Protein backbone atom coordinates (compact mmCIF):
# COMPACT_ATOMS: atom_id res chain seq x y z
CA MET A 1 0.00 0.00 0.00
CA ALA A 2 1.31 3.42 -0.93
CA ARG A 3 2.18 5.75 1.88
CA LYS A 4 -0.07 8.77 2.34
CA LYS A 5 1.81 12.00 1.78
CA GLN A 6 1.73 14.21 4.86
CA PRO A 7 0.88 17.89 4.44
CA PRO A 8 3.83 20.26 4.86
CA ILE A 9 4.47 21.66 8.31
CA GLY A 10 3.00 25.12 8.65
CA THR A 11 5.13 28.24 8.87
CA ALA A 12 3.62 29.13 12.24
CA ASP A 13 4.62 25.75 13.69
CA LYS A 14 8.15 26.12 12.32
CA ARG A 15 8.48 29.58 13.85
CA THR A 16 7.07 28.42 17.19
CA ILE A 17 9.48 25.48 17.41
CA GLY A 18 12.41 27.71 16.46
CA ALA A 19 11.46 30.39 18.97
CA LEU A 20 11.11 27.85 21.77
CA LEU A 21 14.56 26.43 21.07
CA ARG A 22 16.09 29.90 20.79
CA GLU A 23 14.62 31.00 24.13
CA LEU A 24 15.84 27.84 25.84
CA ARG A 25 19.34 28.30 24.41
CA ARG A 26 19.47 31.86 25.64
CA GLY A 27 17.96 30.89 28.98
CA ALA A 28 20.70 28.29 29.37
CA GLY A 29 23.27 31.07 29.00
CA TYR A 30 24.34 30.48 25.40
CA ARG A 31 24.23 33.86 23.70
CA SER A 32 25.13 32.32 20.36
CA VAL A 33 24.44 29.04 18.62
CA ASP A 34 28.20 28.57 18.20
CA LYS A 35 28.73 28.56 21.97
CA ALA A 36 26.07 25.88 22.46
CA ALA A 37 27.28 23.70 19.59
CA ASP A 38 30.88 23.89 20.86
CA VAL A 39 29.91 21.98 24.01
CA PRO A 40 30.78 18.30 23.45
CA ALA A 41 27.44 17.13 24.86
CA CYS A 42 25.43 19.25 22.40
CA PRO A 43 23.25 16.91 20.29
CA ALA A 44 23.28 19.07 17.14
CA SER A 45 25.69 21.00 14.97
CA THR A 46 25.81 24.77 14.60
CA ALA A 47 24.19 24.64 11.17
CA THR A 48 21.41 22.35 12.37
CA ILE A 49 20.57 24.51 15.38
CA TYR A 50 20.52 27.62 13.17
CA ALA A 51 18.19 25.86 10.75
CA TYR A 52 15.84 24.82 13.56
CA GLU A 53 15.79 28.26 15.15
CA ARG A 54 15.15 30.02 11.84
CA GLY A 55 12.39 27.63 10.83
CA GLY A 56 14.23 26.20 7.83
CA LEU A 57 14.22 22.71 9.30
CA VAL A 58 11.86 21.11 11.79
CA PRO A 59 13.46 18.73 14.25
CA SER A 60 11.80 15.40 14.86
CA LEU A 61 10.15 15.20 18.26
CA ALA A 62 13.12 13.11 19.47
CA GLN A 63 15.60 15.74 18.23
CA PHE A 64 13.59 18.52 19.87
CA LEU A 65 13.57 16.64 23.17
CA GLU A 66 17.34 16.02 22.98
CA LEU A 67 18.01 19.73 22.56
CA VAL A 68 15.63 20.67 25.38
CA GLU A 69 17.31 18.12 27.64
CA PHE A 70 20.73 19.51 26.74
CA TYR A 71 19.73 23.12 27.40
CA VAL A 72 17.82 22.41 30.61
CA LEU A 73 19.56 19.47 32.28
CA GLU A 74 23.09 19.32 30.88
CA THR A 75 24.00 22.98 30.93
CA PRO A 76 26.05 24.15 33.92
CA SER A 77 23.95 26.55 35.97
CA THR A 78 26.99 28.83 36.29
CA ALA A 79 26.94 29.78 32.60
CA THR A 80 27.14 33.55 32.16
CA GLY A 81 23.66 34.95 31.57
CA ALA A 82 21.90 31.69 32.43
CA LYS A 83 18.52 31.85 34.08
CA PRO A 84 18.15 30.34 37.55
CA GLU A 85 17.76 26.55 37.39
CA ALA A 86 14.11 26.59 38.48
CA ASP A 87 13.23 29.13 35.78
CA LEU A 88 15.09 27.19 33.10
CA ARG A 89 13.36 23.94 34.10
CA THR A 90 10.00 25.71 33.96
CA MET A 91 10.83 27.00 30.49
CA GLY A 92 11.75 23.47 29.42
CA VAL A 93 8.48 22.02 30.67
CA ALA A 94 6.56 24.77 28.92
CA ALA A 95 8.45 24.21 25.65
CA VAL A 96 7.80 20.45 25.59
CA THR A 97 4.17 20.92 26.54
CA ARG A 98 3.72 23.52 23.80
CA VAL A 99 5.20 21.44 20.98
CA LEU A 100 3.05 18.47 21.90
CA THR A 101 0.01 20.57 20.98
CA LEU A 102 1.37 21.58 17.55
CA PRO A 103 0.04 19.86 14.42
CA ALA A 104 3.67 19.30 13.34
CA TYR A 105 4.07 16.44 15.82
CA HIS A 106 0.61 14.87 15.45
CA VAL A 107 0.21 14.22 19.19
CA ALA A 108 -3.24 15.84 19.30
CA GLN A 109 -4.28 13.67 16.34
CA ALA A 110 -3.03 10.58 18.18
CA HIS A 111 -5.10 11.47 21.25
CA ASP A 112 -8.14 12.04 19.03
CA LEU A 113 -7.65 8.64 17.38
CA VAL A 114 -7.32 6.90 20.74
CA ALA A 115 -10.53 8.56 21.93
CA ARG A 116 -12.38 7.44 18.78
CA MET A 117 -11.11 3.86 19.12
CA GLN A 118 -12.25 3.38 22.71
CA PRO A 119 -14.58 0.39 22.89
CA ASP A 120 -18.12 0.83 24.12
CA LEU A 121 -18.07 -1.08 27.38
CA GLY A 122 -21.78 -0.63 27.96
CA ASP A 123 -23.46 -0.76 31.32
CA ARG A 124 -22.66 -4.06 33.05
CA SER A 125 -24.58 -3.43 36.26
């Protein structure tokens, strides 16, 4: 069976994902993409992070989560310009929660499908 072609990811979703990653990077104390990508634990290259932040590329959900984890959990809290750890963690939670609602990642569609597939258990009293 032929695979159904997925519609392109909307510009608004691309911009939202990029903005969330940019704010997390800055919140982690990395003023530039180069500084973040230079850290050995960074899961993406400079060019890839730029492309994500500018909306040219959309990371998979797994790639998005890896970058969020890097910015929030693997960044030393002493980085110059970094937000306090509690604030950065809150930003990370908000970013993950936000992307899960975007059509780009199809999570809302998955929840809708699960709801429609629920069996009718009827009244067994």
